[in-house]
């Protein structure tokens, strides 16, 4: 199965890498600017970091299943 010109395992690898970059950047931004942000914003950033982490873990944990989908 293809998504455009990319296979599912290739898309999975990209999503895991993008999730890692997002987590690093958001964590860094929260650490630097939390004191200057309005009250709900640090909580929202923390939520996004948690969701991005969960996506990365899900995609990595299920890698054999996802890779097998790329074989068909």
N, C-alpha and C. Protein backbone atom coordinates (compact mmCIF):
# COMPACT_ATOMS: atom_id res chain seq x y z
N UNK A 1 0.85 -1.18 0.00
CA UNK A 1 0.00 0.00 0.00
C UNK A 1 0.89 1.24 0.00
N UNK A 2 0.49 2.23 -0.75
CA UNK A 2 1.25 3.47 -0.86
C UNK A 2 0.37 4.65 -0.44
N UNK A 3 1.02 5.64 0.16
CA UNK A 3 0.39 6.93 0.44
C UNK A 3 1.11 7.94 -0.44
N UNK A 4 0.54 8.20 -1.59
CA UNK A 4 1.26 9.00 -2.58
C UNK A 4 2.38 8.15 -3.13
N UNK A 5 3.60 8.67 -3.08
CA UNK A 5 4.74 7.88 -3.57
C UNK A 5 5.51 7.21 -2.43
N UNK A 6 5.02 7.32 -1.19
CA UNK A 6 5.70 6.76 -0.03
C UNK A 6 4.96 5.54 0.51
N UNK A 7 5.73 4.59 1.03
CA UNK A 7 5.13 3.42 1.64
C UNK A 7 4.74 3.75 3.09
N UNK A 8 3.91 2.91 3.67
CA UNK A 8 3.47 3.12 5.05
C UNK A 8 4.65 3.12 6.02
N UNK A 9 5.62 2.20 5.92
CA UNK A 9 6.77 2.27 6.83
C UNK A 9 7.55 3.58 6.71
N UNK A 10 7.66 4.13 5.53
CA UNK A 10 8.36 5.40 5.36
C UNK A 10 7.60 6.54 6.04
N UNK A 11 6.29 6.54 5.91
CA UNK A 11 5.46 7.55 6.57
C UNK A 11 5.56 7.39 8.08
N UNK A 12 5.56 6.16 8.57
CA UNK A 12 5.70 5.91 10.01
C UNK A 12 7.01 6.48 10.53
N UNK A 13 8.10 6.23 9.84
CA UNK A 13 9.39 6.75 10.28
C UNK A 13 9.38 8.27 10.32
N UNK A 14 8.77 8.89 9.33
CA UNK A 14 8.68 10.35 9.32
C UNK A 14 7.87 10.86 10.51
N UNK A 15 6.74 10.22 10.79
CA UNK A 15 5.88 10.66 11.89
C UNK A 15 6.58 10.51 13.24
N UNK A 16 7.33 9.44 13.43
CA UNK A 16 8.07 9.26 14.68
C UNK A 16 9.14 10.34 14.81
N UNK A 17 9.86 10.62 13.74
CA UNK A 17 10.89 11.66 13.78
C UNK A 17 10.27 13.04 14.02
N UNK A 18 9.18 13.33 13.34
CA UNK A 18 8.51 14.63 13.52
C UNK A 18 7.97 14.77 14.94
N UNK A 19 7.45 13.70 15.50
CA UNK A 19 6.96 13.73 16.88
C UNK A 19 8.11 14.03 17.85
N UNK A 20 9.25 13.42 17.62
CA UNK A 20 10.41 13.67 18.47
C UNK A 20 10.87 15.11 18.42
N UNK A 21 10.91 15.67 17.23
CA UNK A 21 11.30 17.07 17.06
C UNK A 21 10.29 17.97 17.76
N UNK A 22 9.02 17.70 17.58
CA UNK A 22 7.97 18.51 18.21
C UNK A 22 8.08 18.47 19.73
N UNK A 23 8.31 17.30 20.28
CA UNK A 23 8.43 17.16 21.74
C UNK A 23 9.62 17.97 22.25
N UNK A 24 10.73 17.88 21.58
CA UNK A 24 11.93 18.62 22.01
C UNK A 24 11.69 20.13 21.95
N UNK A 25 11.14 20.60 20.85
CA UNK A 25 10.91 22.04 20.70
C UNK A 25 9.88 22.57 21.69
N UNK A 26 8.80 21.86 21.86
CA UNK A 26 7.77 22.32 22.79
C UNK A 26 8.26 22.29 24.23
N UNK A 27 9.01 21.28 24.59
CA UNK A 27 9.57 21.21 25.94
C UNK A 27 10.53 22.37 26.19
N UNK A 28 11.36 22.66 25.21
CA UNK A 28 12.31 23.76 25.33
C UNK A 28 11.58 25.09 25.44
N UNK A 29 10.57 25.30 24.62
CA UNK A 29 9.81 26.55 24.66
C UNK A 29 9.09 26.71 26.00
N UNK A 30 8.53 25.65 26.50
CA UNK A 30 7.82 25.73 27.78
C UNK A 30 8.79 26.06 28.91
N UNK A 31 9.95 25.45 28.88
CA UNK A 31 10.94 25.70 29.92
C UNK A 31 11.41 27.16 29.91
N UNK A 32 11.60 27.72 28.73
CA UNK A 32 12.12 29.08 28.61
C UNK A 32 11.07 30.16 28.87
N UNK A 33 9.84 29.93 28.43
CA UNK A 33 8.86 31.01 28.42
C UNK A 33 7.63 30.79 29.29
N UNK A 34 7.63 29.77 30.12
CA UNK A 34 6.43 29.48 30.93
C UNK A 34 6.05 30.64 31.83
N UNK A 35 7.03 31.36 32.36
CA UNK A 35 6.74 32.48 33.26
C UNK A 35 6.08 33.65 32.53
N UNK A 36 6.26 33.75 31.23
CA UNK A 36 5.74 34.87 30.46
C UNK A 36 4.43 34.56 29.74
N UNK A 37 4.02 33.32 29.77
CA UNK A 37 2.81 32.92 29.05
C UNK A 37 1.57 33.08 29.91
N UNK A 38 0.42 33.38 29.28
CA UNK A 38 -0.82 33.43 30.04
C UNK A 38 -1.11 32.07 30.68
N UNK A 39 -1.94 32.08 31.70
CA UNK A 39 -2.14 30.90 32.54
C UNK A 39 -2.48 29.60 31.81
N UNK A 40 -3.41 29.55 30.84
CA UNK A 40 -3.72 28.23 30.27
C UNK A 40 -2.69 27.71 29.27
N UNK A 41 -1.83 28.57 28.75
CA UNK A 41 -0.94 28.16 27.66
C UNK A 41 0.07 27.09 28.07
N UNK A 42 0.76 27.19 29.22
CA UNK A 42 1.68 26.10 29.58
C UNK A 42 0.97 24.75 29.70
N UNK A 43 -0.25 24.74 30.18
CA UNK A 43 -1.01 23.49 30.25
C UNK A 43 -1.32 22.92 28.88
N UNK A 44 -1.64 23.80 27.94
CA UNK A 44 -1.93 23.36 26.57
C UNK A 44 -0.66 22.79 25.93
N UNK A 45 0.46 23.46 26.14
CA UNK A 45 1.72 22.98 25.59
C UNK A 45 2.06 21.61 26.17
N UNK A 46 1.87 21.46 27.48
CA UNK A 46 2.13 20.17 28.12
C UNK A 46 1.24 19.08 27.53
N UNK A 47 -0.01 19.42 27.25
CA UNK A 47 -0.93 18.45 26.65
C UNK A 47 -0.46 18.05 25.25
N UNK A 48 -0.05 19.01 24.46
CA UNK A 48 0.44 18.72 23.11
C UNK A 48 1.69 17.85 23.17
N UNK A 49 2.58 18.15 24.12
CA UNK A 49 3.79 17.33 24.29
C UNK A 49 3.41 15.90 24.64
N UNK A 50 2.44 15.74 25.53
CA UNK A 50 1.97 14.40 25.90
C UNK A 50 1.38 13.64 24.73
N UNK A 51 0.58 14.32 23.93
CA UNK A 51 -0.04 13.68 22.77
C UNK A 51 1.03 13.30 21.74
N UNK A 52 1.99 14.20 21.50
CA UNK A 52 3.06 13.89 20.55
C UNK A 52 3.89 12.70 21.03
N UNK A 53 4.13 12.63 22.32
CA UNK A 53 4.86 11.50 22.87
C UNK A 53 4.08 10.20 22.70
N UNK A 54 2.78 10.26 22.96
CA UNK A 54 1.93 9.08 22.80
C UNK A 54 1.91 8.59 21.35
N UNK A 55 1.86 9.52 20.41
CA UNK A 55 1.87 9.15 18.99
C UNK A 55 3.19 8.46 18.65
N UNK A 56 4.30 9.02 19.11
CA UNK A 56 5.60 8.40 18.84
C UNK A 56 5.71 7.01 19.43
N UNK A 57 5.24 6.85 20.64
CA UNK A 57 5.28 5.54 21.29
C UNK A 57 4.38 4.55 20.56
N UNK A 58 3.19 4.97 20.20
CA UNK A 58 2.27 4.08 19.49
C UNK A 58 2.87 3.63 18.16
N UNK A 59 3.40 4.55 17.41
CA UNK A 59 3.94 4.20 16.10
C UNK A 59 5.18 3.32 16.21
N UNK A 60 5.98 3.54 17.22
CA UNK A 60 7.18 2.72 17.40
C UNK A 60 6.81 1.33 17.90
N UNK A 61 5.92 1.24 18.87
CA UNK A 61 5.51 -0.04 19.45
C UNK A 61 4.87 -0.94 18.40
N UNK A 62 4.11 -0.36 17.50
CA UNK A 62 3.39 -1.14 16.49
C UNK A 62 4.14 -1.20 15.16
N UNK A 63 5.43 -0.97 15.19
CA UNK A 63 6.21 -0.95 13.96
C UNK A 63 6.09 -2.22 13.13
N UNK A 64 6.20 -3.43 13.71
CA UNK A 64 6.09 -4.62 12.86
C UNK A 64 4.72 -4.71 12.16
N UNK A 65 3.67 -4.34 12.86
CA UNK A 65 2.34 -4.37 12.26
C UNK A 65 2.22 -3.36 11.12
N UNK A 66 2.76 -2.16 11.36
CA UNK A 66 2.71 -1.11 10.33
C UNK A 66 3.60 -1.49 9.15
N UNK A 67 4.79 -2.01 9.43
CA UNK A 67 5.70 -2.40 8.34
C UNK A 67 5.09 -3.51 7.49
N UNK A 68 4.36 -4.43 8.13
CA UNK A 68 3.72 -5.49 7.37
C UNK A 68 2.64 -4.94 6.44
N UNK A 69 2.00 -3.84 6.83
CA UNK A 69 1.00 -3.22 5.97
C UNK A 69 1.63 -2.66 4.70
N UNK A 70 2.92 -2.32 4.77
CA UNK A 70 3.60 -1.78 3.60
C UNK A 70 3.99 -2.85 2.60
N UNK A 71 3.92 -4.11 2.99
CA UNK A 71 4.29 -5.21 2.10
C UNK A 71 3.20 -5.57 1.10
N UNK A 72 1.96 -5.17 1.40
CA UNK A 72 0.85 -5.58 0.52
C UNK A 72 0.65 -4.66 -0.63
